Amino acid sequence: MVARDGESALALLEEIDVVLMDAVMPGLDGFETCHRIKQEPHSSHLPVIFMTGLSETGHVVQGLAAGGVDYELLDALDALVSAELLGLFQFASQPEFL
């Protein structure tokens, strides 16, 4: 499942087992979205892994303080691989492949 913003991600929580999230998203950023995930009893158990280009120490601390279990820094090549994986996940989640 793919959500392109924080509000959409919150709506999908009952259907997933792990959250891979960018810190930079339209609307709610990833840090606030993670905080909200961890505040809800039905989703607080979900591991949240940040995958983002924000590399300052303060961003890493903010992600972990929000409840993230890991914070992976992406460079341009990683971002390309992530985009390719996202496309594969979208393809695999089509009804005829479930």
N, C-alpha and C. Protein backbone atom coordinates (compact mmCIF):
# COMPACT_ATOMS: atom_id res chain seq x y z
N MET A 1 0.84 -1.16 0.00
CA MET A 1 0.00 0.00 0.00
C MET A 1 0.89 1.23 0.00
N VAL A 2 0.43 2.23 -0.69
CA VAL A 2 1.22 3.45 -0.81
C VAL A 2 0.36 4.65 -0.45
N ALA A 3 0.89 5.49 0.40
CA ALA A 3 0.25 6.77 0.72
C ALA A 3 1.24 7.86 0.38
N ARG A 4 0.77 8.90 -0.24
CA ARG A 4 1.66 9.98 -0.66
C ARG A 4 1.67 11.17 0.30
N ASP A 5 0.86 11.08 1.36
CA ASP A 5 0.84 12.13 2.36
C ASP A 5 0.47 11.53 3.71
N GLY A 6 0.67 12.31 4.76
CA GLY A 6 0.44 11.81 6.11
C GLY A 6 -0.99 11.39 6.39
N GLU A 7 -1.94 12.18 5.95
CA GLU A 7 -3.35 11.85 6.20
C GLU A 7 -3.73 10.53 5.54
N SER A 8 -3.28 10.32 4.31
CA SER A 8 -3.56 9.05 3.62
C SER A 8 -2.91 7.88 4.34
N ALA A 9 -1.70 8.09 4.85
CA ALA A 9 -1.01 7.03 5.58
C ALA A 9 -1.80 6.62 6.82
N LEU A 10 -2.32 7.61 7.54
CA LEU A 10 -3.09 7.31 8.75
C LEU A 10 -4.34 6.49 8.44
N ALA A 11 -4.90 6.69 7.26
CA ALA A 11 -6.11 5.96 6.88
C ALA A 11 -5.83 4.49 6.54
N LEU A 12 -4.58 4.14 6.29
CA LEU A 12 -4.23 2.77 5.88
C LEU A 12 -3.70 1.90 7.00
N LEU A 13 -3.63 2.40 8.19
CA LEU A 13 -2.91 1.73 9.27
C LEU A 13 -3.44 0.35 9.63
N GLU A 14 -4.71 0.10 9.45
CA GLU A 14 -5.26 -1.20 9.85
C GLU A 14 -4.93 -2.30 8.84
N GLU A 15 -4.34 -1.92 7.70
CA GLU A 15 -4.09 -2.88 6.64
C GLU A 15 -2.61 -3.19 6.44
N ILE A 16 -1.73 -2.72 7.33
CA ILE A 16 -0.30 -2.88 7.11
C ILE A 16 0.40 -3.47 8.33
N ASP A 17 1.65 -3.91 8.11
CA ASP A 17 2.45 -4.49 9.18
C ASP A 17 3.68 -3.66 9.53
N VAL A 18 4.11 -2.80 8.61
CA VAL A 18 5.28 -1.96 8.82
C VAL A 18 5.10 -0.67 8.01
N VAL A 19 5.70 0.40 8.47
CA VAL A 19 5.59 1.69 7.79
C VAL A 19 6.98 2.13 7.35
N LEU A 20 7.17 2.33 6.05
CA LEU A 20 8.36 2.96 5.50
C LEU A 20 7.94 4.37 5.12
N MET A 21 8.58 5.38 5.71
CA MET A 21 8.07 6.73 5.56
C MET A 21 9.17 7.74 5.31
N ASP A 22 8.89 8.66 4.41
CA ASP A 22 9.76 9.81 4.21
C ASP A 22 9.40 10.84 5.27
N ALA A 23 10.36 11.62 5.67
CA ALA A 23 10.07 12.70 6.63
C ALA A 23 9.41 13.88 5.93
N VAL A 24 9.63 14.02 4.63
CA VAL A 24 9.10 15.14 3.87
C VAL A 24 7.90 14.67 3.06
N MET A 25 6.72 15.14 3.45
CA MET A 25 5.49 14.80 2.74
C MET A 25 4.59 16.02 2.74
N PRO A 26 3.69 16.12 1.77
CA PRO A 26 2.74 17.23 1.80
C PRO A 26 1.77 17.09 2.98
N GLY A 27 1.30 18.20 3.47
CA GLY A 27 0.39 18.17 4.62
C GLY A 27 1.16 17.81 5.87
N LEU A 28 0.73 16.75 6.54
CA LEU A 28 1.46 16.27 7.72
C LEU A 28 2.82 15.74 7.30
N ASP A 29 3.87 16.20 7.93
CA ASP A 29 5.18 15.64 7.60
C ASP A 29 5.32 14.26 8.25
N GLY A 30 6.37 13.56 7.90
CA GLY A 30 6.57 12.21 8.41
C GLY A 30 6.73 12.15 9.91
N PHE A 31 7.35 13.17 10.50
CA PHE A 31 7.55 13.18 11.95
C PHE A 31 6.21 13.25 12.68
N GLU A 32 5.33 14.14 12.24
CA GLU A 32 4.02 14.27 12.88
C GLU A 32 3.17 13.03 12.61
N THR A 33 3.26 12.49 11.40
CA THR A 33 2.51 11.28 11.07
C THR A 33 2.95 10.12 11.97
N CYS A 34 4.25 9.97 12.16
CA CYS A 34 4.77 8.92 13.04
C CYS A 34 4.27 9.13 14.46
N HIS A 35 4.32 10.35 14.93
CA HIS A 35 3.84 10.65 16.28
C HIS A 35 2.38 10.23 16.43
N ARG A 36 1.56 10.53 15.43
CA ARG A 36 0.14 10.16 15.48
C ARG A 36 -0.05 8.65 15.42
N ILE A 37 0.75 7.98 14.62
CA ILE A 37 0.68 6.51 14.55
C ILE A 37 0.93 5.92 15.94
N LYS A 38 1.92 6.43 16.62
CA LYS A 38 2.31 5.90 17.92
C LYS A 38 1.33 6.28 19.04
N GLN A 39 0.49 7.27 18.82
CA GLN A 39 -0.49 7.69 19.82
C GLN A 39 -1.77 6.87 19.77
N GLU A 40 -2.01 6.17 18.67
CA GLU A 40 -3.24 5.41 18.51
C GLU A 40 -3.06 3.96 18.98
N PRO A 41 -3.93 3.47 19.86
CA PRO A 41 -3.80 2.10 20.36
C PRO A 41 -3.77 1.03 19.26
N HIS A 42 -4.53 1.23 18.19
CA HIS A 42 -4.60 0.22 17.13
C HIS A 42 -3.37 0.23 16.21
N SER A 43 -2.50 1.25 16.33
CA SER A 43 -1.34 1.32 15.44
C SER A 43 -0.02 1.54 16.17
N SER A 44 -0.05 1.70 17.47
CA SER A 44 1.18 2.02 18.21
C SER A 44 2.22 0.91 18.11
N HIS A 45 1.80 -0.31 17.80
CA HIS A 45 2.73 -1.44 17.69
C HIS A 45 3.48 -1.48 16.35
N LEU A 46 3.02 -0.71 15.37
CA LEU A 46 3.63 -0.75 14.04
C LEU A 46 5.04 -0.15 14.05
N PRO A 47 6.02 -0.86 13.51
CA PRO A 47 7.34 -0.26 13.39
C PRO A 47 7.34 0.78 12.26
N VAL A 48 7.92 1.93 12.54
CA VAL A 48 8.03 3.00 11.54
C VAL A 48 9.51 3.18 11.22
N ILE A 49 9.84 3.03 9.95
CA ILE A 49 11.21 3.21 9.48
C ILE A 49 11.23 4.43 8.57
N PHE A 50 12.01 5.42 8.95
CA PHE A 50 12.16 6.60 8.11
C PHE A 50 13.18 6.32 7.02
N MET A 51 12.85 6.68 5.80
CA MET A 51 13.76 6.60 4.66
C MET A 51 13.69 7.96 4.00
N THR A 52 14.72 8.78 4.24
CA THR A 52 14.63 10.17 3.84
C THR A 52 15.99 10.75 3.49
N GLY A 53 15.96 11.87 2.84
CA GLY A 53 17.19 12.59 2.51
C GLY A 53 17.59 13.59 3.56
N LEU A 54 16.75 13.80 4.57
CA LEU A 54 17.08 14.75 5.65
C LEU A 54 18.17 14.13 6.52
N SER A 55 19.36 14.70 6.47
CA SER A 55 20.51 14.05 7.09
C SER A 55 21.08 14.75 8.32
N GLU A 56 20.51 15.87 8.71
CA GLU A 56 21.04 16.55 9.89
C GLU A 56 20.71 15.74 11.15
N THR A 57 21.60 15.81 12.10
CA THR A 57 21.43 15.07 13.36
C THR A 57 20.08 15.38 14.00
N GLY A 58 19.68 16.62 13.95
CA GLY A 58 18.39 17.01 14.53
C GLY A 58 17.22 16.30 13.90
N HIS A 59 17.29 16.04 12.59
CA HIS A 59 16.22 15.30 11.91
C HIS A 59 16.18 13.85 12.37
N VAL A 60 17.36 13.24 12.50
CA VAL A 60 17.42 11.85 12.97
C VAL A 60 16.83 11.76 14.37
N VAL A 61 17.23 12.66 15.24
CA VAL A 61 16.72 12.69 16.62
C VAL A 61 15.21 12.89 16.61
N GLN A 62 14.73 13.80 15.77
CA GLN A 62 13.29 14.08 15.69
C GLN A 62 12.52 12.83 15.24
N GLY A 63 13.06 12.10 14.26
CA GLY A 63 12.39 10.90 13.77
C GLY A 63 12.32 9.81 14.83
N LEU A 64 13.42 9.61 15.54
CA LEU A 64 13.43 8.59 16.58
C LEU A 64 12.58 9.01 17.77
N ALA A 65 12.60 10.29 18.10
CA ALA A 65 11.77 10.79 19.21
C ALA A 65 10.29 10.69 18.89
N ALA A 66 9.93 10.76 17.61
CA ALA A 66 8.53 10.63 17.21
C ALA A 66 8.04 9.20 17.30
N GLY A 67 8.98 8.25 17.44
CA GLY A 67 8.60 6.84 17.56
C GLY A 67 9.17 5.94 16.48
N GLY A 68 9.98 6.50 15.60
CA GLY A 68 10.59 5.68 14.56
C GLY A 68 11.55 4.67 15.17
N VAL A 69 11.63 3.47 14.56
CA VAL A 69 12.55 2.45 15.06
C VAL A 69 13.87 2.47 14.30
N ASP A 70 13.89 3.15 13.16
CA ASP A 70 15.11 3.26 12.37
C ASP A 70 15.00 4.52 11.51
N TYR A 71 16.15 5.04 11.10
CA TYR A 71 16.20 6.25 10.29
C TYR A 71 17.29 6.04 9.26
N GLU A 72 16.89 5.75 8.03
CA GLU A 72 17.83 5.47 6.94
C GLU A 72 17.97 6.69 6.06
N LEU A 73 19.21 7.08 5.82
CA LEU A 73 19.49 8.23 4.97
C LEU A 73 19.57 7.78 3.52
N LEU A 74 18.88 8.49 2.66
CA LEU A 74 18.87 8.17 1.24
C LEU A 74 19.73 9.17 0.47
N ASP A 75 20.57 8.66 -0.41
CA ASP A 75 21.22 9.54 -1.36
C ASP A 75 20.47 9.41 -2.68
N ALA A 76 20.95 10.03 -3.74
CA ALA A 76 20.23 10.02 -5.02
C ALA A 76 20.01 8.60 -5.54
N LEU A 77 21.01 7.74 -5.43
CA LEU A 77 20.86 6.37 -5.91
C LEU A 77 19.84 5.61 -5.08
N ASP A 78 19.90 5.79 -3.76
CA ASP A 78 18.92 5.14 -2.89
C ASP A 78 17.51 5.61 -3.23
N ALA A 79 17.36 6.90 -3.51
CA ALA A 79 16.05 7.44 -3.85
C ALA A 79 15.52 6.79 -5.13
N LEU A 80 16.41 6.56 -6.09
CA LEU A 80 16.01 5.89 -7.33
C LEU A 80 15.56 4.46 -7.04
N VAL A 81 16.32 3.75 -6.24
CA VAL A 81 15.95 2.38 -5.88
C VAL A 81 14.63 2.38 -5.12
N SER A 82 14.45 3.32 -4.22
CA SER A 82 13.19 3.41 -3.47
C SER A 82 12.02 3.67 -4.40
N ALA A 83 12.21 4.54 -5.38
CA ALA A 83 11.14 4.82 -6.34
C ALA A 83 10.81 3.56 -7.14
N GLU A 84 11.82 2.80 -7.50
CA GLU A 84 11.59 1.56 -8.23
C GLU A 84 10.84 0.55 -7.36
N LEU A 85 11.22 0.44 -6.10
CA LEU A 85 10.52 -0.47 -5.19
C LEU A 85 9.08 -0.03 -5.00
N LEU A 86 8.87 1.26 -4.89
CA LEU A 86 7.52 1.78 -4.74
C LEU A 86 6.67 1.36 -5.93
N GLY A 87 7.23 1.47 -7.13
CA GLY A 87 6.51 1.05 -8.33
C GLY A 87 6.18 -0.44 -8.29
N LEU A 88 7.12 -1.24 -7.82
CA LEU A 88 6.87 -2.68 -7.71
C LEU A 88 5.79 -2.99 -6.69
N PHE A 89 5.81 -2.30 -5.55
CA PHE A 89 4.77 -2.50 -4.54
C PHE A 89 3.40 -2.13 -5.09
N GLN A 90 3.33 -1.03 -5.83
CA GLN A 90 2.06 -0.61 -6.41
C GLN A 90 1.57 -1.65 -7.41
N PHE A 91 2.48 -2.15 -8.23
CA PHE A 91 2.13 -3.17 -9.22
C PHE A 91 1.65 -4.44 -8.53
N ALA A 92 2.38 -4.87 -7.51
CA ALA A 92 2.04 -6.11 -6.80
C ALA A 92 0.76 -6.00 -6.00
N SER A 93 0.34 -4.78 -5.66
CA SER A 93 -0.87 -4.63 -4.86
C SER A 93 -2.14 -4.53 -5.72
N GLN A 94 -1.99 -4.62 -7.04
CA GLN A 94 -3.16 -4.62 -7.90
C GLN A 94 -3.97 -5.89 -7.64
N PRO A 95 -5.29 -5.78 -7.68
CA PRO A 95 -6.15 -6.91 -7.31
C PRO A 95 -5.82 -8.23 -8.00
N GLU A 96 -5.42 -8.20 -9.26
CA GLU A 96 -5.16 -9.46 -9.96
C GLU A 96 -3.89 -10.16 -9.46
N PHE A 97 -3.08 -9.49 -8.64
CA PHE A 97 -1.87 -10.10 -8.10
C PHE A 97 -2.00 -10.47 -6.64
N LEU A 98 -3.13 -10.21 -6.04
CA LEU A 98 -3.32 -10.50 -4.61
C LEU A 98 -3.86 -11.89 -4.41
